[in-house]
C-alpha atoms as a PDB file:
ATOM      1  CA  UNK A   1     -24.443   3.615  87.505  1.00  0.00           C
ATOM      2  CA  UNK A   2     -21.978   6.470  87.034  1.00  0.00           C
ATOM      3  CA  UNK A   3     -18.283   5.665  86.732  1.00  0.00           C
ATOM      4  CA  UNK A   4     -15.707   8.415  86.189  1.00  0.00           C
ATOM      5  CA  UNK A   5     -13.222   7.642  83.434  1.00  0.00           C
ATOM      6  CA  UNK A   6      -9.752   8.119  84.872  1.00  0.00           C
ATOM      7  CA  UNK A   7      -6.656   8.933  82.839  1.00  0.00           C
ATOM      8  CA  UNK A   8      -5.993   5.908  80.638  1.00  0.00           C
ATOM      9  CA  UNK A   9      -2.269   6.428  81.118  1.00  0.00           C
ATOM     10  CA  UNK A  10      -2.548   6.444  84.892  1.00  0.00           C
ATOM     11  CA  UNK A  11       0.111   8.489  86.643  1.00  0.00           C
ATOM     12  CA  UNK A  12       2.247   9.651  83.748  1.00  0.00           C
ATOM     13  CA  UNK A  13       5.983   9.200  83.880  1.00  0.00           C
ATOM     14  CA  UNK A  14       8.162  12.267  84.273  1.00  0.00           C
ATOM     15  CA  UNK A  15       9.252  11.921  80.659  1.00  0.00           C
ATOM     16  CA  UNK A  16       5.668  12.370  79.446  1.00  0.00           C
ATOM     17  CA  UNK A  17       4.758  15.290  81.710  1.00  0.00           C
ATOM     18  CA  UNK A  18       5.198  18.936  80.826  1.00  0.00           C
ATOM     19  CA  UNK A  19       7.877  20.526  83.042  1.00  0.00           C
ATOM     20  CA  UNK A  20       6.337  23.918  83.849  1.00  0.00           C
ATOM     21  CA  UNK A  21       4.598  22.996  87.111  1.00  0.00           C
ATOM     22  CA  UNK A  22       7.762  21.455  88.587  1.00  0.00           C
ATOM     23  CA  UNK A  23       9.770  24.449  87.413  1.00  0.00           C
ATOM     24  CA  UNK A  24       7.315  26.775  89.151  1.00  0.00           C
ATOM     25  CA  UNK A  25       7.810  24.950  92.451  1.00  0.00           C
ATOM     26  CA  UNK A  26      11.573  25.146  91.985  1.00  0.00           C
ATOM     27  CA  UNK A  27      11.167  28.924  91.726  1.00  0.00           C
ATOM     28  CA  UNK A  28       9.395  29.019  95.092  1.00  0.00           C
ATOM     29  CA  UNK A  29       5.727  29.134  94.101  1.00  0.00           C
ATOM     30  CA  UNK A  30       3.493  27.029  96.344  1.00  0.00           C
ATOM     31  CA  UNK A  31       0.320  25.201  95.291  1.00  0.00           C
ATOM     32  CA  UNK A  32      -1.380  21.907  96.133  1.00  0.00           C
ATOM     33  CA  UNK A  33      -3.666  21.540  93.123  1.00  0.00           C
ATOM     34  CA  UNK A  34      -2.432  22.257  89.583  1.00  0.00           C
ATOM     35  CA  UNK A  35      -5.590  24.262  88.951  1.00  0.00           C
ATOM     36  CA  UNK A  36      -4.454  26.709  91.633  1.00  0.00           C
ATOM     37  CA  UNK A  37      -1.709  27.807  89.236  1.00  0.00           C
ATOM     38  CA  UNK A  38      -4.321  29.339  86.932  1.00  0.00           C
ATOM     39  CA  UNK A  39      -5.605  31.439  89.847  1.00  0.00           C
ATOM     40  CA  UNK A  40      -2.049  32.464  90.753  1.00  0.00           C
ATOM     41  CA  UNK A  41      -1.436  33.618  87.182  1.00  0.00           C
ATOM     42  CA  UNK A  42      -4.746  35.497  86.984  1.00  0.00           C
ATOM     43  CA  UNK A  43      -4.056  37.354  90.239  1.00  0.00           C
ATOM     44  CA  UNK A  44      -0.487  38.124  89.183  1.00  0.00           C
ATOM     45  CA  UNK A  45      -1.619  39.604  85.838  1.00  0.00           C
ATOM     46  CA  UNK A  46      -4.454  41.579  87.465  1.00  0.00           C
ATOM     47  CA  UNK A  47      -2.061  43.175  89.952  1.00  0.00           C
ATOM     48  CA  UNK A  48       0.423  43.932  87.164  1.00  0.00           C
ATOM     49  CA  UNK A  49      -2.236  45.472  84.911  1.00  0.00           C
ATOM     50  CA  UNK A  50      -3.888  47.520  87.648  1.00  0.00           C
ATOM     51  CA  UNK A  51      -7.301  45.849  87.709  1.00  0.00           C
ATOM     52  CA  UNK A  52      -9.160  43.759  90.276  1.00  0.00           C
ATOM     53  CA  UNK A  53      -9.720  40.551  88.309  1.00  0.00           C
ATOM     54  CA  UNK A  54      -8.456  38.563  85.344  1.00  0.00           C
ATOM     55  CA  UNK A  55      -9.851  35.520  83.527  1.00  0.00           C
ATOM     56  CA  UNK A  56      -7.544  33.307  81.484  1.00  0.00           C
ATOM     57  CA  UNK A  57      -8.615  31.804  78.149  1.00  0.00           C
ATOM     58  CA  UNK A  58      -7.004  29.517  75.600  1.00  0.00           C
ATOM     59  CA  UNK A  59      -6.454  32.430  73.200  1.00  0.00           C
ATOM     60  CA  UNK A  60      -7.070  36.161  72.832  1.00  0.00           C
ATOM     61  CA  UNK A  61      -9.678  35.623  70.110  1.00  0.00           C
ATOM     62  CA  UNK A  62     -11.761  33.509  72.476  1.00  0.00           C
ATOM     63  CA  UNK A  63     -11.313  36.154  75.160  1.00  0.00           C
ATOM     64  CA  UNK A  64     -12.938  38.648  72.789  1.00  0.00           C
ATOM     65  CA  UNK A  65     -15.698  36.165  71.954  1.00  0.00           C
ATOM     66  CA  UNK A  66     -16.497  35.424  75.610  1.00  0.00           C
ATOM     67  CA  UNK A  67     -16.493  39.132  76.457  1.00  0.00           C
ATOM     68  CA  UNK A  68     -18.924  39.846  73.618  1.00  0.00           C
ATOM     69  CA  UNK A  69     -21.207  36.989  74.679  1.00  0.00           C
ATOM     70  CA  UNK A  70     -21.141  38.355  78.227  1.00  0.00           C
ATOM     71  CA  UNK A  71     -22.223  41.870  77.219  1.00  0.00           C
ATOM     72  CA  UNK A  72     -24.914  40.194  75.128  1.00  0.00           C
ATOM     73  CA  UNK A  73     -26.162  38.232  78.165  1.00  0.00           C
ATOM     74  CA  UNK A  74     -26.250  41.461  80.163  1.00  0.00           C
ATOM     75  CA  UNK A  75     -28.340  43.050  77.378  1.00  0.00           C
ATOM     76  CA  UNK A  76     -25.756  45.811  76.971  1.00  0.00           C
ATOM     77  CA  UNK A  77     -25.943  44.993  73.270  1.00  0.00           C
ATOM     78  CA  UNK A  78     -28.463  42.764  71.500  1.00  0.00           C
ATOM     79  CA  UNK A  79     -27.910  40.251  68.707  1.00  0.00           C
ATOM     80  CA  UNK A  80     -27.390  41.819  65.311  1.00  0.00           C
ATOM     81  CA  UNK A  81     -26.227  45.205  66.566  1.00  0.00           C
ATOM     82  CA  UNK A  82     -23.267  46.832  64.872  1.00  0.00           C
ATOM     83  CA  UNK A  83     -19.821  46.847  66.463  1.00  0.00           C
ATOM     84  CA  UNK A  84     -17.299  49.235  64.919  1.00  0.00           C
ATOM     85  CA  UNK A  85     -13.627  48.278  64.691  1.00  0.00           C
ATOM     86  CA  UNK A  86     -10.555  49.637  62.894  1.00  0.00           C
ATOM     87  CA  UNK A  87     -10.262  48.672  59.252  1.00  0.00           C
ATOM     88  CA  UNK A  88      -6.688  47.559  59.919  1.00  0.00           C
ATOM     89  CA  UNK A  89      -6.575  44.896  62.622  1.00  0.00           C
ATOM     90  CA  UNK A  90      -6.182  41.146  62.956  1.00  0.00           C
ATOM     91  CA  UNK A  91      -8.644  39.077  60.932  1.00  0.00           C
ATOM     92  CA  UNK A  92     -10.042  37.106  63.876  1.00  0.00           C
ATOM     93  CA  UNK A  93     -11.625  40.232  65.391  1.00  0.00           C
ATOM     94  CA  UNK A  94     -14.471  40.647  62.846  1.00  0.00           C
ATOM     95  CA  UNK A  95     -14.801  36.868  62.803  1.00  0.00           C
ATOM     96  CA  UNK A  96     -15.360  36.740  66.570  1.00  0.00           C
ATOM     97  CA  UNK A  97     -17.916  39.545  66.273  1.00  0.00           C
ATOM     98  CA  UNK A  98     -19.759  37.462  63.673  1.00  0.00           C
ATOM     99  CA  UNK A  99     -19.494  34.284  65.784  1.00  0.00           C
ATOM    100  CA  UNK A 100     -20.956  36.197  68.745  1.00  0.00           C
ATOM    101  CA  UNK A 101     -24.047  37.070  66.656  1.00  0.00           C
ATOM    102  CA  UNK A 102     -23.258  40.733  66.072  1.00  0.00           C
ATOM    103  CA  UNK A 103     -22.430  42.575  62.865  1.00  0.00           C
ATOM    104  CA  UNK A 104     -19.398  44.746  62.225  1.00  0.00           C
ATOM    105  CA  UNK A 105     -18.582  48.032  60.581  1.00  0.00           C
ATOM    106  CA  UNK A 106     -15.291  49.778  59.928  1.00  0.00           C
ATOM    107  CA  UNK A 107     -13.571  53.008  60.803  1.00  0.00           C
ATOM    108  CA  UNK A 108     -10.263  54.536  59.765  1.00  0.00           C
ATOM    109  CA  UNK A 109      -8.456  54.691  63.082  1.00  0.00           C
ATOM    110  CA  UNK A 110      -4.791  55.027  63.901  1.00  0.00           C
ATOM    111  CA  UNK A 111      -4.217  52.903  66.982  1.00  0.00           C
ATOM    112  CA  UNK A 112      -1.328  51.407  68.913  1.00  0.00           C
ATOM    113  CA  UNK A 113      -1.534  48.412  71.210  1.00  0.00           C
ATOM    114  CA  UNK A 114      -5.220  48.716  72.021  1.00  0.00           C
ATOM    115  CA  UNK A 115      -8.578  49.860  70.650  1.00  0.00           C
ATOM    116  CA  UNK A 116     -12.239  49.643  71.670  1.00  0.00           C
ATOM    117  CA  UNK A 117     -14.859  47.471  69.986  1.00  0.00           C
ATOM    118  CA  UNK A 118     -17.344  50.349  69.880  1.00  0.00           C
ATOM    119  CA  UNK A 119     -19.813  50.874  71.503  1.00  0.00           C
ATOM    120  CA  UNK A 120     -19.094  47.961  73.869  1.00  0.00           C
ATOM    121  CA  UNK A 121     -16.813  47.952  76.893  1.00  0.00           C
ATOM    122  CA  UNK A 122     -14.698  45.273  75.188  1.00  0.00           C
ATOM    123  CA  UNK A 123     -11.164  46.313  74.227  1.00  0.00           C
ATOM    124  CA  UNK A 124      -8.710  44.443  72.014  1.00  0.00           C
ATOM    125  CA  UNK A 125      -5.383  44.865  73.795  1.00  0.00           C
ATOM    126  CA  UNK A 126      -3.590  41.973  72.124  1.00  0.00           C
ATOM    127  CA  UNK A 127      -0.371  43.865  71.440  1.00  0.00           C
ATOM    128  CA  UNK A 128       0.038  45.807  74.700  1.00  0.00           C
ATOM    129  CA  UNK A 129       1.897  44.526  77.733  1.00  0.00           C
ATOM    130  CA  UNK A 130       3.067  47.099  80.250  1.00  0.00           C
ATOM    131  CA  UNK A 131       2.510  47.733  83.936  1.00  0.00           C
ATOM    132  CA  UNK A 132      -0.741  49.569  84.742  1.00  0.00           C
ATOM    133  CA  UNK A 133      -2.194  48.944  81.267  1.00  0.00           C
ATOM    134  CA  UNK A 134      -5.828  48.431  82.347  1.00  0.00           C
ATOM    135  CA  UNK A 135      -8.048  51.165  80.873  1.00  0.00           C
ATOM    136  CA  UNK A 136     -10.558  51.170  83.759  1.00  0.00           C
ATOM    137  CA  UNK A 137     -14.281  51.816  83.644  1.00  0.00           C
ATOM    138  CA  UNK A 138     -15.235  48.130  84.137  1.00  0.00           C
ATOM    139  CA  UNK A 139     -13.754  47.411  80.705  1.00  0.00           C
ATOM    140  CA  UNK A 140     -13.317  43.866  79.450  1.00  0.00           C
ATOM    141  CA  UNK A 141      -9.772  44.255  78.111  1.00  0.00           C
ATOM    142  CA  UNK A 142      -8.297  41.244  76.326  1.00  0.00           C
ATOM    143  CA  UNK A 143      -4.572  40.420  76.170  1.00  0.00           C
ATOM    144  CA  UNK A 144      -2.768  37.931  73.918  1.00  0.00           C
ATOM    145  CA  UNK A 145      -0.039  35.451  74.856  1.00  0.00           C
ATOM    146  CA  UNK A 146       0.573  34.258  71.292  1.00  0.00           C
ATOM    147  CA  UNK A 147       4.200  33.390  70.580  1.00  0.00           C
ATOM    148  CA  UNK A 148       5.058  36.802  69.061  1.00  0.00           C
ATOM    149  CA  UNK A 149       3.772  38.730  72.079  1.00  0.00           C
ATOM    150  CA  UNK A 150       5.658  40.030  75.156  1.00  0.00           C
ATOM    151  CA  UNK A 151       4.588  36.976  77.182  1.00  0.00           C
ATOM    152  CA  UNK A 152       4.981  34.252  74.518  1.00  0.00           C
ATOM    153  CA  UNK A 153       3.225  31.285  76.099  1.00  0.00           C
ATOM    154  CA  UNK A 154       2.536  30.094  72.555  1.00  0.00           C
ATOM    155  CA  UNK A 155      -1.227  30.363  72.783  1.00  0.00           C
ATOM    156  CA  UNK A 156      -3.442  31.961  75.373  1.00  0.00           C
ATOM    157  CA  UNK A 157      -5.263  35.074  76.420  1.00  0.00           C
ATOM    158  CA  UNK A 158      -6.618  36.868  79.465  1.00  0.00           C
ATOM    159  CA  UNK A 159      -9.544  39.216  80.139  1.00  0.00           C
ATOM    160  CA  UNK A 160      -8.879  42.122  82.515  1.00  0.00           C
ATOM    161  CA  UNK A 161     -11.767  43.711  84.426  1.00  0.00           C
ATOM    162  CA  UNK A 162     -12.839  45.516  87.587  1.00  0.00           C
ATOM    163  CA  UNK A 163     -16.328  44.016  87.309  1.00  0.00           C
ATOM    164  CA  UNK A 164     -16.734  41.224  89.874  1.00  0.00           C
ATOM    165  CA  UNK A 165     -19.950  39.927  88.330  1.00  0.00           C
ATOM    166  CA  UNK A 166     -18.288  39.731  84.907  1.00  0.00           C
ATOM    167  CA  UNK A 167     -15.298  37.947  86.430  1.00  0.00           C
ATOM    168  CA  UNK A 168     -17.446  35.298  88.093  1.00  0.00           C
ATOM    169  CA  UNK A 169     -19.534  34.655  84.989  1.00  0.00           C
ATOM    170  CA  UNK A 170     -16.595  34.658  82.564  1.00  0.00           C
ATOM    171  CA  UNK A 171     -14.794  32.117  84.765  1.00  0.00           C
ATOM    172  CA  UNK A 172     -17.783  29.804  84.396  1.00  0.00           C
ATOM    173  CA  UNK A 173     -18.261  30.517  80.690  1.00  0.00           C
ATOM    174  CA  UNK A 174     -14.623  29.775  79.873  1.00  0.00           C
ATOM    175  CA  UNK A 175     -14.767  26.230  81.263  1.00  0.00           C
ATOM    176  CA  UNK A 176     -18.026  24.655  80.038  1.00  0.00           C
ATOM    177  CA  UNK A 177     -20.081  26.485  82.655  1.00  0.00           C
ATOM    178  CA  UNK A 178     -18.442  24.387  85.383  1.00  0.00           C
ATOM    179  CA  UNK A 179     -17.905  25.531  88.961  1.00  0.00           C
ATOM    180  CA  UNK A 180     -14.526  23.818  89.296  1.00  0.00           C
ATOM    181  CA  UNK A 181     -14.356  23.647  93.118  1.00  0.00           C
ATOM    182  CA  UNK A 182     -17.407  21.351  92.982  1.00  0.00           C
ATOM    183  CA  UNK A 183     -16.913  17.664  92.235  1.00  0.00           C
ATOM    184  CA  UNK A 184     -17.409  16.586  88.621  1.00  0.00           C
ATOM    185  CA  UNK A 185     -20.184  14.177  89.654  1.00  0.00           C
ATOM    186  CA  UNK A 186     -22.043  16.868  91.611  1.00  0.00           C
ATOM    187  CA  UNK A 187     -25.301  17.349  89.644  1.00  0.00           C
ATOM    188  CA  UNK A 188     -25.129  21.096  90.353  1.00  0.00           C
ATOM    189  CA  UNK A 189     -21.544  21.722  89.279  1.00  0.00           C
ATOM    190  CA  UNK A 190     -22.593  23.210  85.907  1.00  0.00           C
ATOM    191  CA  UNK A 191     -23.964  26.702  86.504  1.00  0.00           C
ATOM    192  CA  UNK A 192     -24.456  28.207  83.040  1.00  0.00           C
ATOM    193  CA  UNK A 193     -24.089  27.640  79.319  1.00  0.00           C
ATOM    194  CA  UNK A 194     -20.349  27.642  78.746  1.00  0.00           C
ATOM    195  CA  UNK A 195     -17.600  27.223  76.177  1.00  0.00           C
ATOM    196  CA  UNK A 196     -14.477  25.062  76.067  1.00  0.00           C
ATOM    197  CA  UNK A 197     -12.001  27.958  76.109  1.00  0.00           C
ATOM    198  CA  UNK A 198      -9.956  27.583  79.287  1.00  0.00           C
ATOM    199  CA  UNK A 199      -6.205  27.883  79.880  1.00  0.00           C
ATOM    200  CA  UNK A 200      -4.359  24.818  81.149  1.00  0.00           C
ATOM    201  CA  UNK A 201      -2.330  24.945  84.392  1.00  0.00           C
ATOM    202  CA  UNK A 202       0.852  24.200  82.439  1.00  0.00           C
ATOM    203  CA  UNK A 203       0.293  27.202  80.160  1.00  0.00           C
ATOM    204  CA  UNK A 204      -0.501  29.385  83.178  1.00  0.00           C
ATOM    205  CA  UNK A 205       2.724  28.205  84.815  1.00  0.00           C
ATOM    206  CA  UNK A 206       4.672  29.149  81.684  1.00  0.00           C
ATOM    207  CA  UNK A 207       2.998  32.564  81.812  1.00  0.00           C
ATOM    208  CA  UNK A 208       4.142  33.096  85.399  1.00  0.00           C
ATOM    209  CA  UNK A 209       7.698  32.058  84.555  1.00  0.00           C
ATOM    210  CA  UNK A 210       7.795  34.377  81.528  1.00  0.00           C
ATOM    211  CA  UNK A 211       6.310  37.298  83.482  1.00  0.00           C
ATOM    212  CA  UNK A 212       9.134  37.038  86.002  1.00  0.00           C
ATOM    213  CA  UNK A 213      11.645  37.215  83.133  1.00  0.00           C
ATOM    214  CA  UNK A 214      10.054  40.198  81.333  1.00  0.00           C
ATOM    215  CA  UNK A 215      10.516  43.951  81.991  1.00  0.00           C
ATOM    216  CA  UNK A 216       7.469  45.614  83.521  1.00  0.00           C
ATOM    217  CA  UNK A 217       7.422  48.654  81.223  1.00  0.00           C
ATOM    218  CA  UNK A 218       7.217  47.937  77.488  1.00  0.00           C
ATOM    219  CA  UNK A 219       6.280  49.671  74.265  1.00  0.00           C
ATOM    220  CA  UNK A 220       3.358  48.384  72.194  1.00  0.00           C
ATOM    221  CA  UNK A 221       4.512  45.769  69.705  1.00  0.00           C
ATOM    222  CA  UNK A 222       1.955  46.552  66.955  1.00  0.00           C
ATOM    223  CA  UNK A 223      -0.098  49.427  65.597  1.00  0.00           C
ATOM    224  CA  UNK A 224      -2.233  50.259  62.570  1.00  0.00           C
ATOM    225  CA  UNK A 225       0.692  49.876  60.183  1.00  0.00           C
ATOM    226  CA  UNK A 226       1.242  46.208  61.046  1.00  0.00           C
ATOM    227  CA  UNK A 227      -2.112  44.970  59.715  1.00  0.00           C
ATOM    228  CA  UNK A 228      -3.827  44.490  56.370  1.00  0.00           C
ATOM    229  CA  UNK A 229      -7.151  46.055  55.486  1.00  0.00           C
ATOM    230  CA  UNK A 230      -9.408  43.286  56.810  1.00  0.00           C
ATOM    231  CA  UNK A 231     -12.527  44.857  55.299  1.00  0.00           C
ATOM    232  CA  UNK A 232     -11.313  43.654  51.918  1.00  0.00           C
ATOM    233  CA  UNK A 233     -10.487  40.199  53.279  1.00  0.00           C
ATOM    234  CA  UNK A 234     -13.943  39.800  54.829  1.00  0.00           C
ATOM    235  CA  UNK A 235     -15.579  40.933  51.577  1.00  0.00           C
ATOM    236  CA  UNK A 236     -13.598  38.255  49.749  1.00  0.00           C
ATOM    237  CA  UNK A 237     -15.145  35.548  51.924  1.00  0.00           C
ATOM    238  CA  UNK A 238     -18.666  36.920  51.661  1.00  0.00           C
ATOM    239  CA  UNK A 239     -19.066  39.276  54.652  1.00  0.00           C
END
């Protein structure tokens, strides 16, 4: 017989709860279920960026990974194919390419704020945050909310896209393949193979609060000159 395991702490005291959801209500945002806050944040970012949809993740690196696994599922690129990235970037990018079952190659590219993982429609946009930043063309454009970024949630990411099919599948993939509106004990609530890479409502609430405090037009915070040559680093660990 199935028995759902409830929170062992029961209803947590105010002292143990994170304050972001209450703060959001104080600011006039309305929601009944905490999970609705994630949807509010996704829609707010999508409107800001100039795209139709956005999918939150627990970090930018996992946003890149999920996007690569999605293009793999769509057979836009098959396992083992080469993805070309700038030689100077953050080290997790070639690592996520490897984790997603692709291989990587390098190019000398001067970039600022954003670059494409060629030849895919995935873009690393970790260091760009400005109104209308979506590149278009059904891109899967990934933003970072790490603590040194414009929206410093502390950890988190989001995938921007105009592709409704990609949005629906990435939502499932980011949360263990679960269709969250369905009850946990519904035998059909898991729709696909997924990953445990979702953003919590409290982090989404912090993102909303920070967005409302941040200018809408901003310069990129990083470019080629801010990164080491990761080709050498990857060689040092055997790749």
